[in-house]
Amino acid sequence: MGTLVASIFQGILLGLGAAVPIGPVNVEIARRTLRSGFASGCALGCGAVSVDVAYALLTSTTLAQLPSQPLLYHPLRFAASAMLVFFAINCLDSAARGLNRPVNLLAARSPLSWRKGYLTGVLMTLFNPMTLLFWFVVVPGASGATAPNDLPMICAGVFVGTLAWVVSFTSLLSLLGRFRKTWWLVLADAIGAILLFAFAAATLLRSNSPHL
């Protein structure tokens, strides 16, 4: 029983370690939640959770060190940078439209497609080099070999940890969004664009070495 609880707790800590740090996914969750409400931000977050759990499953297999190989790591850097630039441009376009005409707050709160938000979360997390390095290099290096019997409980903990963060984060932002002003949307889009451009540049300009 003690081992079971320890494995779940380890998984929760790993899940929080992957989900809590500010990065492109959290920036986009915040922007979408403020603009379109809890459901839109949560859908994107659930896409990210799915990838984190899948990576947690794979991290104990022979694929563990694969993402650290230059032949795979460097194309991923370019793909991730291009994707972040694409989302940043969308943010700028949204901010520009908000400046050019008054924003209808009721329309802005209409939830975006759950399927589209979920897919966006999957893509943003799936091709993020830092996510790959966290799960396939940092975690195996820090925790060592994992007993096969512990893996299901660790993955369950990862799911609980990442999902708890997504629900808590989007709930708080959704609550704050009830008191927002029209200019909040433009500001959220503008800040989101700046941060996404910064993350894209950091990913592209990161050291040529795939190792942390």
N, C-alpha and C. Protein backbone atom coordinates (compact mmCIF):
# COMPACT_ATOMS: atom_id res chain seq x y z
N MET A 1 0.84 -1.21 0.00
CA MET A 1 0.00 0.00 0.00
C MET A 1 0.86 1.25 0.00
N GLY A 2 1.96 1.20 0.81
CA GLY A 2 2.85 2.36 0.86
C GLY A 2 3.50 2.63 -0.47
N THR A 3 3.91 1.55 -1.17
CA THR A 3 4.52 1.70 -2.48
C THR A 3 3.53 2.26 -3.49
N LEU A 4 2.28 1.81 -3.39
CA LEU A 4 1.23 2.29 -4.29
C LEU A 4 1.03 3.79 -4.14
N VAL A 5 0.90 4.24 -2.90
CA VAL A 5 0.70 5.67 -2.63
C VAL A 5 1.92 6.48 -3.08
N ALA A 6 3.11 5.93 -2.83
CA ALA A 6 4.34 6.62 -3.22
C ALA A 6 4.42 6.79 -4.73
N SER A 7 3.99 5.75 -5.47
CA SER A 7 4.03 5.81 -6.93
C SER A 7 3.05 6.85 -7.46
N ILE A 8 1.85 6.88 -6.89
CA ILE A 8 0.86 7.88 -7.31
C ILE A 8 1.36 9.28 -6.99
N PHE A 9 1.92 9.46 -5.81
CA PHE A 9 2.44 10.77 -5.41
C PHE A 9 3.58 11.20 -6.32
N GLN A 10 4.45 10.25 -6.68
CA GLN A 10 5.54 10.56 -7.60
C GLN A 10 4.98 11.02 -8.95
N GLY A 11 3.94 10.33 -9.41
CA GLY A 11 3.31 10.71 -10.68
C GLY A 11 2.68 12.09 -10.62
N ILE A 12 2.04 12.42 -9.49
CA ILE A 12 1.43 13.74 -9.32
C ILE A 12 2.50 14.83 -9.38
N LEU A 13 3.62 14.59 -8.70
CA LEU A 13 4.71 15.57 -8.72
C LEU A 13 5.27 15.74 -10.14
N LEU A 14 5.42 14.63 -10.85
CA LEU A 14 5.91 14.71 -12.24
C LEU A 14 4.92 15.47 -13.11
N GLY A 15 3.63 15.20 -12.93
CA GLY A 15 2.61 15.89 -13.71
C GLY A 15 2.61 17.39 -13.46
N LEU A 16 2.72 17.77 -12.18
CA LEU A 16 2.78 19.19 -11.85
C LEU A 16 4.07 19.82 -12.38
N GLY A 17 5.16 19.06 -12.33
CA GLY A 17 6.43 19.57 -12.86
C GLY A 17 6.37 19.86 -14.33
N ALA A 18 5.56 19.08 -15.06
CA ALA A 18 5.41 19.30 -16.50
C ALA A 18 4.40 20.40 -16.81
N ALA A 19 3.35 20.53 -15.97
CA ALA A 19 2.23 21.41 -16.31
C ALA A 19 2.33 22.82 -15.75
N VAL A 20 2.89 22.97 -14.56
CA VAL A 20 2.84 24.27 -13.87
C VAL A 20 3.75 25.34 -14.46
N PRO A 21 5.01 25.04 -14.83
CA PRO A 21 5.89 26.11 -15.33
C PRO A 21 5.26 26.88 -16.48
N ILE A 22 5.45 28.20 -16.46
CA ILE A 22 4.89 29.04 -17.52
C ILE A 22 5.55 28.70 -18.85
N GLY A 23 4.75 28.40 -19.82
CA GLY A 23 5.23 28.07 -21.15
C GLY A 23 4.15 28.38 -22.17
N PRO A 24 4.36 28.02 -23.44
CA PRO A 24 3.40 28.34 -24.49
C PRO A 24 2.00 27.81 -24.22
N VAL A 25 1.90 26.60 -23.68
CA VAL A 25 0.58 26.01 -23.45
C VAL A 25 -0.19 26.80 -22.40
N ASN A 26 0.46 27.13 -21.28
CA ASN A 26 -0.22 27.91 -20.24
C ASN A 26 -0.60 29.31 -20.73
N VAL A 27 0.25 29.90 -21.56
CA VAL A 27 -0.07 31.21 -22.13
C VAL A 27 -1.33 31.13 -22.98
N GLU A 28 -1.42 30.11 -23.81
CA GLU A 28 -2.58 29.96 -24.69
C GLU A 28 -3.83 29.57 -23.91
N ILE A 29 -3.67 28.74 -22.86
CA ILE A 29 -4.81 28.42 -22.00
C ILE A 29 -5.37 29.69 -21.37
N ALA A 30 -4.47 30.54 -20.85
CA ALA A 30 -4.90 31.78 -20.20
C ALA A 30 -5.62 32.69 -21.19
N ARG A 31 -5.05 32.84 -22.38
CA ARG A 31 -5.66 33.73 -23.38
C ARG A 31 -7.04 33.24 -23.79
N ARG A 32 -7.16 31.95 -24.03
CA ARG A 32 -8.44 31.41 -24.49
C ARG A 32 -9.49 31.42 -23.38
N THR A 33 -9.05 31.20 -22.15
CA THR A 33 -10.00 31.23 -21.05
C THR A 33 -10.55 32.64 -20.85
N LEU A 34 -9.68 33.64 -20.88
CA LEU A 34 -10.13 35.02 -20.72
C LEU A 34 -11.03 35.45 -21.88
N ARG A 35 -10.75 34.95 -23.06
CA ARG A 35 -11.51 35.36 -24.24
C ARG A 35 -12.81 34.59 -24.38
N SER A 36 -12.78 33.28 -24.16
CA SER A 36 -13.94 32.46 -24.49
C SER A 36 -14.48 31.62 -23.34
N GLY A 37 -13.90 31.73 -22.16
CA GLY A 37 -14.44 31.03 -21.02
C GLY A 37 -13.73 29.74 -20.66
N PHE A 38 -14.21 29.13 -19.57
CA PHE A 38 -13.59 27.94 -18.99
C PHE A 38 -13.46 26.80 -19.99
N ALA A 39 -14.52 26.50 -20.73
CA ALA A 39 -14.53 25.33 -21.61
C ALA A 39 -13.43 25.40 -22.66
N SER A 40 -13.20 26.58 -23.22
CA SER A 40 -12.20 26.72 -24.27
C SER A 40 -10.79 26.51 -23.74
N GLY A 41 -10.49 27.10 -22.58
CA GLY A 41 -9.17 26.91 -21.99
C GLY A 41 -8.96 25.49 -21.51
N CYS A 42 -10.01 24.88 -20.93
CA CYS A 42 -9.90 23.53 -20.40
C CYS A 42 -9.70 22.53 -21.53
N ALA A 43 -10.35 22.73 -22.67
CA ALA A 43 -10.19 21.82 -23.80
C ALA A 43 -8.74 21.77 -24.26
N LEU A 44 -8.13 22.95 -24.37
CA LEU A 44 -6.72 23.00 -24.77
C LEU A 44 -5.85 22.31 -23.71
N GLY A 45 -6.15 22.57 -22.44
CA GLY A 45 -5.39 21.95 -21.37
C GLY A 45 -5.52 20.44 -21.36
N CYS A 46 -6.70 19.93 -21.68
CA CYS A 46 -6.90 18.48 -21.71
C CYS A 46 -6.08 17.85 -22.84
N GLY A 47 -5.92 18.58 -23.95
CA GLY A 47 -5.06 18.07 -25.02
C GLY A 47 -3.63 17.93 -24.53
N ALA A 48 -3.17 18.92 -23.77
CA ALA A 48 -1.81 18.86 -23.22
C ALA A 48 -1.68 17.72 -22.22
N VAL A 49 -2.72 17.51 -21.39
CA VAL A 49 -2.71 16.43 -20.41
C VAL A 49 -2.56 15.08 -21.11
N SER A 50 -3.28 14.90 -22.20
CA SER A 50 -3.22 13.63 -22.95
C SER A 50 -1.80 13.32 -23.39
N VAL A 51 -1.10 14.34 -23.89
CA VAL A 51 0.27 14.14 -24.35
C VAL A 51 1.20 13.84 -23.19
N ASP A 52 1.02 14.57 -22.08
CA ASP A 52 1.88 14.32 -20.91
C ASP A 52 1.73 12.89 -20.40
N VAL A 53 0.49 12.39 -20.36
CA VAL A 53 0.27 11.02 -19.89
C VAL A 53 0.89 10.03 -20.88
N ALA A 54 0.74 10.29 -22.18
CA ALA A 54 1.34 9.40 -23.18
C ALA A 54 2.86 9.38 -23.06
N TYR A 55 3.46 10.54 -22.85
CA TYR A 55 4.92 10.61 -22.68
C TYR A 55 5.36 9.91 -21.40
N ALA A 56 4.53 10.01 -20.35
CA ALA A 56 4.86 9.32 -19.11
C ALA A 56 4.87 7.81 -19.33
N LEU A 57 3.97 7.32 -20.17
CA LEU A 57 3.95 5.89 -20.50
C LEU A 57 5.19 5.47 -21.27
N LEU A 58 5.62 6.33 -22.19
CA LEU A 58 6.74 5.99 -23.05
C LEU A 58 8.10 6.18 -22.38
N THR A 59 8.14 6.97 -21.32
CA THR A 59 9.44 7.37 -20.78
C THR A 59 10.23 6.20 -20.19
N SER A 60 9.55 5.09 -19.88
CA SER A 60 10.26 3.94 -19.31
C SER A 60 10.61 2.89 -20.37
N THR A 61 10.32 3.17 -21.62
CA THR A 61 10.61 2.22 -22.68
C THR A 61 11.97 2.50 -23.30
N THR A 62 12.31 1.74 -24.33
CA THR A 62 13.59 1.93 -25.02
C THR A 62 13.64 3.24 -25.78
N LEU A 63 12.48 3.93 -25.89
CA LEU A 63 12.44 5.22 -26.59
C LEU A 63 12.91 6.37 -25.70
N ALA A 64 13.29 6.05 -24.46
CA ALA A 64 13.53 7.10 -23.46
C ALA A 64 14.53 8.16 -23.91
N GLN A 65 15.62 7.77 -24.57
CA GLN A 65 16.64 8.73 -24.93
C GLN A 65 16.53 9.21 -26.38
N LEU A 66 15.52 8.72 -27.10
CA LEU A 66 15.41 9.05 -28.53
C LEU A 66 15.30 10.55 -28.81
N PRO A 67 14.44 11.32 -28.07
CA PRO A 67 14.30 12.74 -28.37
C PRO A 67 15.56 13.56 -28.13
N SER A 68 16.56 12.98 -27.41
CA SER A 68 17.79 13.72 -27.18
C SER A 68 18.76 13.61 -28.34
N GLN A 69 18.42 12.82 -29.36
CA GLN A 69 19.29 12.64 -30.51
C GLN A 69 19.17 13.85 -31.45
N PRO A 70 20.30 14.39 -31.91
CA PRO A 70 20.28 15.60 -32.75
C PRO A 70 19.41 15.47 -34.01
N LEU A 71 19.40 14.29 -34.64
CA LEU A 71 18.64 14.12 -35.88
C LEU A 71 17.15 14.32 -35.67
N LEU A 72 16.66 14.06 -34.47
CA LEU A 72 15.25 14.27 -34.17
C LEU A 72 15.02 15.60 -33.47
N TYR A 73 15.94 15.95 -32.57
CA TYR A 73 15.76 17.14 -31.74
C TYR A 73 15.72 18.42 -32.56
N HIS A 74 16.65 18.59 -33.49
CA HIS A 74 16.73 19.85 -34.23
C HIS A 74 15.54 20.09 -35.16
N PRO A 75 15.06 19.08 -35.92
CA PRO A 75 13.83 19.32 -36.69
C PRO A 75 12.65 19.68 -35.79
N LEU A 76 12.58 19.08 -34.61
CA LEU A 76 11.50 19.41 -33.68
C LEU A 76 11.59 20.86 -33.23
N ARG A 77 12.80 21.36 -33.02
CA ARG A 77 12.97 22.76 -32.63
C ARG A 77 12.38 23.69 -33.68
N PHE A 78 12.70 23.42 -34.94
CA PHE A 78 12.20 24.29 -36.02
C PHE A 78 10.69 24.17 -36.17
N ALA A 79 10.18 22.94 -36.07
CA ALA A 79 8.73 22.75 -36.19
C ALA A 79 7.99 23.44 -35.05
N ALA A 80 8.52 23.30 -33.82
CA ALA A 80 7.89 23.94 -32.67
C ALA A 80 7.92 25.45 -32.79
N SER A 81 9.04 26.00 -33.25
CA SER A 81 9.16 27.46 -33.41
C SER A 81 8.16 27.98 -34.43
N ALA A 82 8.04 27.27 -35.55
CA ALA A 82 7.10 27.68 -36.59
C ALA A 82 5.66 27.65 -36.08
N MET A 83 5.32 26.62 -35.31
CA MET A 83 3.97 26.51 -34.77
C MET A 83 3.68 27.64 -33.78
N LEU A 84 4.66 27.97 -32.92
CA LEU A 84 4.46 29.05 -31.96
C LEU A 84 4.32 30.40 -32.65
N VAL A 85 5.08 30.61 -33.71
CA VAL A 85 4.95 31.85 -34.48
C VAL A 85 3.55 31.94 -35.09
N PHE A 86 3.05 30.81 -35.59
CA PHE A 86 1.70 30.79 -36.17
C PHE A 86 0.66 31.21 -35.13
N PHE A 87 0.74 30.66 -33.92
CA PHE A 87 -0.21 31.03 -32.87
C PHE A 87 -0.02 32.48 -32.44
N ALA A 88 1.22 32.96 -32.43
CA ALA A 88 1.48 34.35 -32.06
C ALA A 88 0.86 35.31 -33.07
N ILE A 89 0.96 34.97 -34.34
CA ILE A 89 0.36 35.80 -35.39
C ILE A 89 -1.16 35.83 -35.24
N ASN A 90 -1.75 34.69 -34.89
CA ASN A 90 -3.19 34.66 -34.65
C ASN A 90 -3.57 35.57 -33.48
N CYS A 91 -2.72 35.60 -32.45
CA CYS A 91 -2.97 36.49 -31.30
C CYS A 91 -2.93 37.95 -31.73
N LEU A 92 -1.93 38.30 -32.53
CA LEU A 92 -1.82 39.68 -33.01
C LEU A 92 -3.03 40.07 -33.86
N ASP A 93 -3.46 39.15 -34.70
CA ASP A 93 -4.63 39.42 -35.54
C ASP A 93 -5.86 39.65 -34.68
N SER A 94 -6.01 38.83 -33.65
CA SER A 94 -7.15 38.99 -32.74
C SER A 94 -7.08 40.32 -32.00
N ALA A 95 -5.87 40.71 -31.56
CA ALA A 95 -5.71 41.99 -30.86
C ALA A 95 -6.00 43.16 -31.78
N ALA A 96 -5.55 43.08 -33.04
CA ALA A 96 -5.78 44.15 -34.00
C ALA A 96 -7.27 44.32 -34.28
N ARG A 97 -7.98 43.20 -34.40
CA ARG A 97 -9.42 43.28 -34.64
C ARG A 97 -10.13 43.88 -33.44
N GLY A 98 -9.63 43.60 -32.23
CA GLY A 98 -10.22 44.19 -31.04
C GLY A 98 -10.00 45.68 -30.95
N LEU A 99 -8.87 46.16 -31.46
CA LEU A 99 -8.59 47.59 -31.46
C LEU A 99 -9.41 48.33 -32.51
N ASN A 100 -9.66 47.68 -33.61
CA ASN A 100 -10.34 48.33 -34.74
C ASN A 100 -11.84 48.45 -34.53
N ARG A 101 -12.39 47.59 -33.67
CA ARG A 101 -13.83 47.69 -33.40
C ARG A 101 -14.10 47.22 -31.99
N PRO A 102 -15.16 47.74 -31.35
CA PRO A 102 -15.49 47.32 -29.99
C PRO A 102 -15.72 45.81 -29.93
N VAL A 103 -15.25 45.22 -28.84
CA VAL A 103 -15.40 43.78 -28.68
C VAL A 103 -16.73 43.48 -28.01
N ASN A 104 -17.48 42.58 -28.61
CA ASN A 104 -18.74 42.13 -28.02
C ASN A 104 -18.42 41.08 -26.96
N LEU A 105 -18.58 41.44 -25.69
CA LEU A 105 -18.18 40.53 -24.62
C LEU A 105 -19.00 39.25 -24.62
N LEU A 106 -20.27 39.35 -24.97
CA LEU A 106 -21.09 38.15 -25.02
C LEU A 106 -20.62 37.21 -26.12
N ALA A 107 -20.27 37.79 -27.28
CA ALA A 107 -19.77 36.96 -28.37
C ALA A 107 -18.41 36.39 -28.03
N ALA A 108 -17.61 37.20 -27.34
CA ALA A 108 -16.27 36.75 -27.00
C ALA A 108 -16.31 35.57 -26.03
N ARG A 109 -17.38 35.48 -25.24
CA ARG A 109 -17.48 34.40 -24.26
C ARG A 109 -18.01 33.12 -24.88
N SER A 110 -18.41 33.14 -26.14
CA SER A 110 -18.90 31.93 -26.78
C SER A 110 -17.76 30.92 -26.88
N PRO A 111 -17.93 29.73 -26.30
CA PRO A 111 -16.83 28.77 -26.31
C PRO A 111 -16.43 28.38 -27.72
N LEU A 112 -15.13 28.26 -27.92
CA LEU A 112 -14.62 27.76 -29.19
C LEU A 112 -14.83 26.26 -29.24
N SER A 113 -14.65 25.67 -30.40
CA SER A 113 -14.84 24.24 -30.56
C SER A 113 -13.96 23.46 -29.60
N TRP A 114 -14.56 22.54 -28.85
CA TRP A 114 -13.79 21.68 -27.95
C TRP A 114 -12.77 20.87 -28.73
N ARG A 115 -13.19 20.36 -29.89
CA ARG A 115 -12.30 19.53 -30.70
C ARG A 115 -11.10 20.33 -31.17
N LYS A 116 -11.34 21.56 -31.62
CA LYS A 116 -10.25 22.40 -32.10
C LYS A 116 -9.31 22.77 -30.95
N GLY A 117 -9.87 23.11 -29.80
CA GLY A 117 -9.03 23.46 -28.65
C GLY A 117 -8.20 22.27 -28.18
N TYR A 118 -8.83 21.10 -28.14
CA TYR A 118 -8.12 19.89 -27.71
C TYR A 118 -6.97 19.58 -28.66
N LEU A 119 -7.24 19.66 -29.97
CA LEU A 119 -6.20 19.38 -30.97
C LEU A 119 -5.05 20.38 -30.85
N THR A 120 -5.38 21.65 -30.59
CA THR A 120 -4.33 22.66 -30.41
C THR A 120 -3.45 22.31 -29.22
N GLY A 121 -4.05 21.90 -28.12
CA GLY A 121 -3.28 21.51 -26.94
C GLY A 121 -2.38 20.32 -27.21
N VAL A 122 -2.89 19.35 -27.97
CA VAL A 122 -2.09 18.18 -28.33
C VAL A 122 -0.88 18.59 -29.16
N LEU A 123 -1.10 19.40 -30.18
CA LEU A 123 -0.01 19.78 -31.08
C LEU A 123 1.03 20.64 -30.37
N MET A 124 0.57 21.58 -29.54
CA MET A 124 1.51 22.47 -28.85
C MET A 124 2.39 21.70 -27.87
N THR A 125 1.86 20.64 -27.27
CA THR A 125 2.63 19.85 -26.31
C THR A 125 3.44 18.77 -26.99
N LEU A 126 2.86 18.16 -28.01
CA LEU A 126 3.50 17.04 -28.69
C LEU A 126 4.83 17.43 -29.31
N PHE A 127 4.90 18.63 -29.89
CA PHE A 127 6.09 19.06 -30.61
C PHE A 127 6.94 20.06 -29.84
N ASN A 128 6.69 20.19 -28.55
CA ASN A 128 7.48 21.10 -27.72
C ASN A 128 8.77 20.39 -27.29
N PRO A 129 9.94 20.84 -27.78
CA PRO A 129 11.20 20.15 -27.43
C PRO A 129 11.45 20.09 -25.94
N MET A 130 11.06 21.13 -25.19
CA MET A 130 11.30 21.13 -23.76
C MET A 130 10.44 20.09 -23.04
N THR A 131 9.23 19.85 -23.55
CA THR A 131 8.40 18.79 -23.00
C THR A 131 9.04 17.44 -23.23
N LEU A 132 9.56 17.24 -24.45
CA LEU A 132 10.23 15.98 -24.77
C LEU A 132 11.45 15.77 -23.87
N LEU A 133 12.24 16.82 -23.69
CA LEU A 133 13.43 16.70 -22.86
C LEU A 133 13.05 16.42 -21.40
N PHE A 134 11.97 17.03 -20.94
CA PHE A 134 11.55 16.80 -19.56
C PHE A 134 11.19 15.33 -19.34
N TRP A 135 10.36 14.79 -20.23
CA TRP A 135 9.87 13.43 -20.01
C TRP A 135 10.89 12.35 -20.38
N PHE A 136 11.71 12.60 -21.42
CA PHE A 136 12.56 11.53 -21.93
C PHE A 136 14.02 11.64 -21.52
N VAL A 137 14.42 12.78 -20.96
CA VAL A 137 15.81 12.95 -20.54
C VAL A 137 15.89 13.27 -19.05
N VAL A 138 15.20 14.33 -18.62
CA VAL A 138 15.29 14.76 -17.23
C VAL A 138 14.68 13.72 -16.29
N VAL A 139 13.45 13.29 -16.58
CA VAL A 139 12.77 12.34 -15.69
C VAL A 139 13.51 11.01 -15.56
N PRO A 140 13.89 10.35 -16.68
CA PRO A 140 14.65 9.10 -16.51
C PRO A 140 15.98 9.31 -15.80
N GLY A 141 16.63 10.45 -16.06
CA GLY A 141 17.91 10.70 -15.42
C GLY A 141 17.78 10.96 -13.93
N ALA A 142 16.67 11.56 -13.53
CA ALA A 142 16.49 11.90 -12.12
C ALA A 142 15.93 10.75 -11.30
N SER A 143 15.05 9.97 -11.92
CA SER A 143 14.36 8.93 -11.16
C SER A 143 14.93 7.54 -11.36
N GLY A 144 15.74 7.36 -12.41
CA GLY A 144 16.32 6.05 -12.66
C GLY A 144 15.28 5.10 -13.20
N ALA A 145 15.60 3.82 -13.16
CA ALA A 145 14.69 2.81 -13.71
C ALA A 145 13.43 2.73 -12.86
N THR A 146 12.31 2.53 -13.53
CA THR A 146 11.03 2.40 -12.85
C THR A 146 10.55 0.97 -12.94
N ALA A 147 10.13 0.42 -11.82
CA ALA A 147 9.61 -0.94 -11.82
C ALA A 147 8.35 -1.00 -12.67
N PRO A 148 8.19 -2.03 -13.52
CA PRO A 148 7.01 -2.13 -14.39
C PRO A 148 5.70 -2.07 -13.61
N ASN A 149 5.67 -2.66 -12.41
CA ASN A 149 4.43 -2.67 -11.63
C ASN A 149 4.04 -1.29 -11.13
N ASP A 150 5.02 -0.39 -11.04
CA ASP A 150 4.75 0.96 -10.55
C ASP A 150 4.24 1.89 -11.65
N LEU A 151 4.48 1.52 -12.91
CA LEU A 151 4.18 2.41 -14.03
C LEU A 151 2.71 2.83 -14.11
N PRO A 152 1.74 1.91 -13.99
CA PRO A 152 0.33 2.35 -14.07
C PRO A 152 -0.02 3.40 -13.02
N MET A 153 0.48 3.23 -11.80
CA MET A 153 0.16 4.18 -10.74
C MET A 153 0.84 5.53 -10.96
N ILE A 154 2.07 5.48 -11.48
CA ILE A 154 2.77 6.73 -11.78
C ILE A 154 2.02 7.49 -12.88
N CYS A 155 1.58 6.79 -13.91
CA CYS A 155 0.83 7.43 -15.00
C CYS A 155 -0.50 7.97 -14.50
N ALA A 156 -1.15 7.23 -13.58
CA ALA A 156 -2.39 7.73 -12.98
C ALA A 156 -2.12 9.02 -12.20
N GLY A 157 -1.00 9.05 -11.50
CA GLY A 157 -0.63 10.27 -10.77
C GLY A 157 -0.35 11.43 -11.69
N VAL A 158 0.32 11.16 -12.81
CA VAL A 158 0.58 12.21 -13.81
C VAL A 158 -0.73 12.78 -14.32
N PHE A 159 -1.69 11.91 -14.59
CA PHE A 159 -3.00 12.36 -15.06
C PHE A 159 -3.68 13.25 -14.02
N VAL A 160 -3.65 12.81 -12.76
CA VAL A 160 -4.29 13.58 -11.69
C VAL A 160 -3.60 14.94 -11.52
N GLY A 161 -2.27 14.94 -11.52
CA GLY A 161 -1.53 16.18 -11.32
C GLY A 161 -1.75 17.19 -12.43
N THR A 162 -1.63 16.74 -13.68
CA THR A 162 -1.78 17.66 -14.81
C THR A 162 -3.22 18.16 -14.94
N LEU A 163 -4.18 17.24 -14.76
CA LEU A 163 -5.58 17.65 -14.88
C LEU A 163 -5.98 18.60 -13.76
N ALA A 164 -5.48 18.35 -12.54
CA ALA A 164 -5.78 19.25 -11.42
C ALA A 164 -5.27 20.66 -11.70
N TRP A 165 -4.07 20.76 -12.29
CA TRP A 165 -3.54 22.08 -12.63
C TRP A 165 -4.40 22.77 -13.68
N VAL A 166 -4.78 22.05 -14.73
CA VAL A 166 -5.57 22.64 -15.80
C VAL A 166 -6.91 23.15 -15.26
N VAL A 167 -7.60 22.32 -14.49
CA VAL A 167 -8.91 22.72 -13.96
C VAL A 167 -8.77 23.91 -13.01
N SER A 168 -7.77 23.88 -12.12
CA SER A 168 -7.58 24.98 -11.17
C SER A 168 -7.22 26.27 -11.88
N PHE A 169 -6.30 26.19 -12.84
CA PHE A 169 -5.82 27.37 -13.57
C PHE A 169 -6.94 28.00 -14.38
N THR A 170 -7.67 27.18 -15.12
CA THR A 170 -8.76 27.72 -15.96
C THR A 170 -9.92 28.22 -15.09
N SER A 171 -10.18 27.57 -13.98
CA SER A 171 -11.27 28.02 -13.09
C SER A 171 -10.96 29.39 -12.52
N LEU A 172 -9.72 29.59 -12.08
CA LEU A 172 -9.33 30.88 -11.52
C LEU A 172 -9.43 31.98 -12.58
N LEU A 173 -8.91 31.70 -13.77
CA LEU A 173 -8.97 32.70 -14.84
C LEU A 173 -10.40 32.99 -15.27
N SER A 174 -11.22 31.94 -15.30
CA SER A 174 -12.62 32.14 -15.66
C SER A 174 -13.34 33.01 -14.65
N LEU A 175 -13.01 32.82 -13.36
CA LEU A 175 -13.59 33.65 -12.31
C LEU A 175 -13.15 35.09 -12.46
N LEU A 176 -11.86 35.30 -12.71
CA LEU A 176 -11.35 36.65 -12.91
C LEU A 176 -11.98 37.29 -14.14
N GLY A 177 -12.26 36.47 -15.15
CA GLY A 177 -12.83 36.98 -16.39
C GLY A 177 -14.20 37.58 -16.23
N ARG A 178 -14.90 37.23 -15.16
CA ARG A 178 -16.22 37.80 -14.93
C ARG A 178 -16.16 39.28 -14.60
N PHE A 179 -15.01 39.73 -14.13
CA PHE A 179 -14.86 41.14 -13.74
C PHE A 179 -14.08 41.94 -14.77
N ARG A 180 -13.85 41.35 -15.92
CA ARG A 180 -12.97 41.97 -16.91
C ARG A 180 -13.64 43.14 -17.62
N LYS A 181 -12.82 43.90 -18.28
CA LYS A 181 -13.27 44.98 -19.14
C LYS A 181 -12.97 44.60 -20.59
N THR A 182 -13.52 45.36 -21.50
CA THR A 182 -13.32 45.05 -22.92
C THR A 182 -11.85 45.03 -23.30
N TRP A 183 -11.07 45.94 -22.72
CA TRP A 183 -9.66 46.04 -23.10
C TRP A 183 -8.84 44.86 -22.61
N TRP A 184 -9.41 44.07 -21.67
CA TRP A 184 -8.69 42.88 -21.21
C TRP A 184 -8.37 41.94 -22.36
N LEU A 185 -9.34 41.78 -23.25
CA LEU A 185 -9.17 40.84 -24.36
C LEU A 185 -8.02 41.25 -25.27
N VAL A 186 -7.98 42.54 -25.60
CA VAL A 186 -6.91 43.05 -26.46
C VAL A 186 -5.56 42.88 -25.76
N LEU A 187 -5.52 43.21 -24.47
CA LEU A 187 -4.27 43.09 -23.72
C LEU A 187 -3.83 41.63 -23.61
N ALA A 188 -4.77 40.73 -23.35
CA ALA A 188 -4.44 39.30 -23.25
C ALA A 188 -3.89 38.78 -24.57
N ASP A 189 -4.50 39.21 -25.69
CA ASP A 189 -4.02 38.78 -27.00
C ASP A 189 -2.62 39.33 -27.28
N ALA A 190 -2.40 40.62 -26.94
CA ALA A 190 -1.11 41.24 -27.21
C ALA A 190 0.00 40.60 -26.37
N ILE A 191 -0.27 40.41 -25.08
CA ILE A 191 0.73 39.77 -24.22
C ILE A 191 0.98 38.34 -24.67
N GLY A 192 -0.10 37.65 -25.03
CA GLY A 192 0.06 36.29 -25.52
C GLY A 192 0.94 36.22 -26.75
N ALA A 193 0.76 37.15 -27.66
CA ALA A 193 1.58 37.17 -28.88
C ALA A 193 3.05 37.41 -28.55
N ILE A 194 3.30 38.37 -27.67
CA ILE A 194 4.70 38.67 -27.29
C ILE A 194 5.36 37.45 -26.66
N LEU A 195 4.65 36.80 -25.73
CA LEU A 195 5.22 35.64 -25.05
C LEU A 195 5.44 34.47 -26.01
N LEU A 196 4.49 34.25 -26.91
CA LEU A 196 4.63 33.14 -27.87
C LEU A 196 5.79 33.40 -28.82
N PHE A 197 5.95 34.65 -29.27
CA PHE A 197 7.12 34.98 -30.09
C PHE A 197 8.42 34.74 -29.31
N ALA A 198 8.41 35.12 -28.03
CA ALA A 198 9.60 34.92 -27.20
C ALA A 198 9.92 33.44 -27.03
N PHE A 199 8.89 32.62 -26.80
CA PHE A 199 9.11 31.18 -26.67
C PHE A 199 9.61 30.59 -27.99
N ALA A 200 9.08 31.09 -29.10
CA ALA A 200 9.53 30.60 -30.41
C ALA A 200 11.01 30.93 -30.63
N ALA A 201 11.39 32.17 -30.29
CA ALA A 201 12.79 32.57 -30.45
C ALA A 201 13.70 31.77 -29.54
N ALA A 202 13.26 31.57 -28.28
CA ALA A 202 14.08 30.82 -27.33
C ALA A 202 14.27 29.38 -27.80
N THR A 203 13.20 28.80 -28.35
CA THR A 203 13.30 27.42 -28.86
C THR A 203 14.24 27.34 -30.05
N LEU A 204 14.15 28.31 -30.94
CA LEU A 204 14.96 28.28 -32.15
C LEU A 204 16.43 28.58 -31.85
N LEU A 205 16.68 29.47 -30.90
CA LEU A 205 18.05 29.92 -30.61
C LEU A 205 18.72 29.13 -29.50
N ARG A 206 18.03 28.14 -29.00
CA ARG A 206 18.59 27.34 -27.91
C ARG A 206 19.89 26.68 -28.35
N SER A 207 20.74 26.37 -27.40
CA SER A 207 22.03 25.75 -27.69
C SER A 207 21.88 24.57 -28.64
N ASN A 208 22.85 24.41 -29.52
CA ASN A 208 22.83 23.32 -30.49
C ASN A 208 22.85 21.95 -29.81
N SER A 209 23.31 21.91 -28.56
CA SER A 209 23.34 20.65 -27.86
C SER A 209 21.94 20.29 -27.39
N PRO A 210 21.47 19.07 -27.65
CA PRO A 210 20.14 18.68 -27.22
C PRO A 210 20.05 18.36 -25.75
N HIS A 211 21.19 18.38 -25.04
CA HIS A 211 21.20 18.01 -23.63
C HIS A 211 21.08 19.25 -22.77
N LEU A 212 20.37 19.11 -21.64
CA LEU A 212 20.20 20.25 -20.72
C LEU A 212 21.47 20.49 -19.93
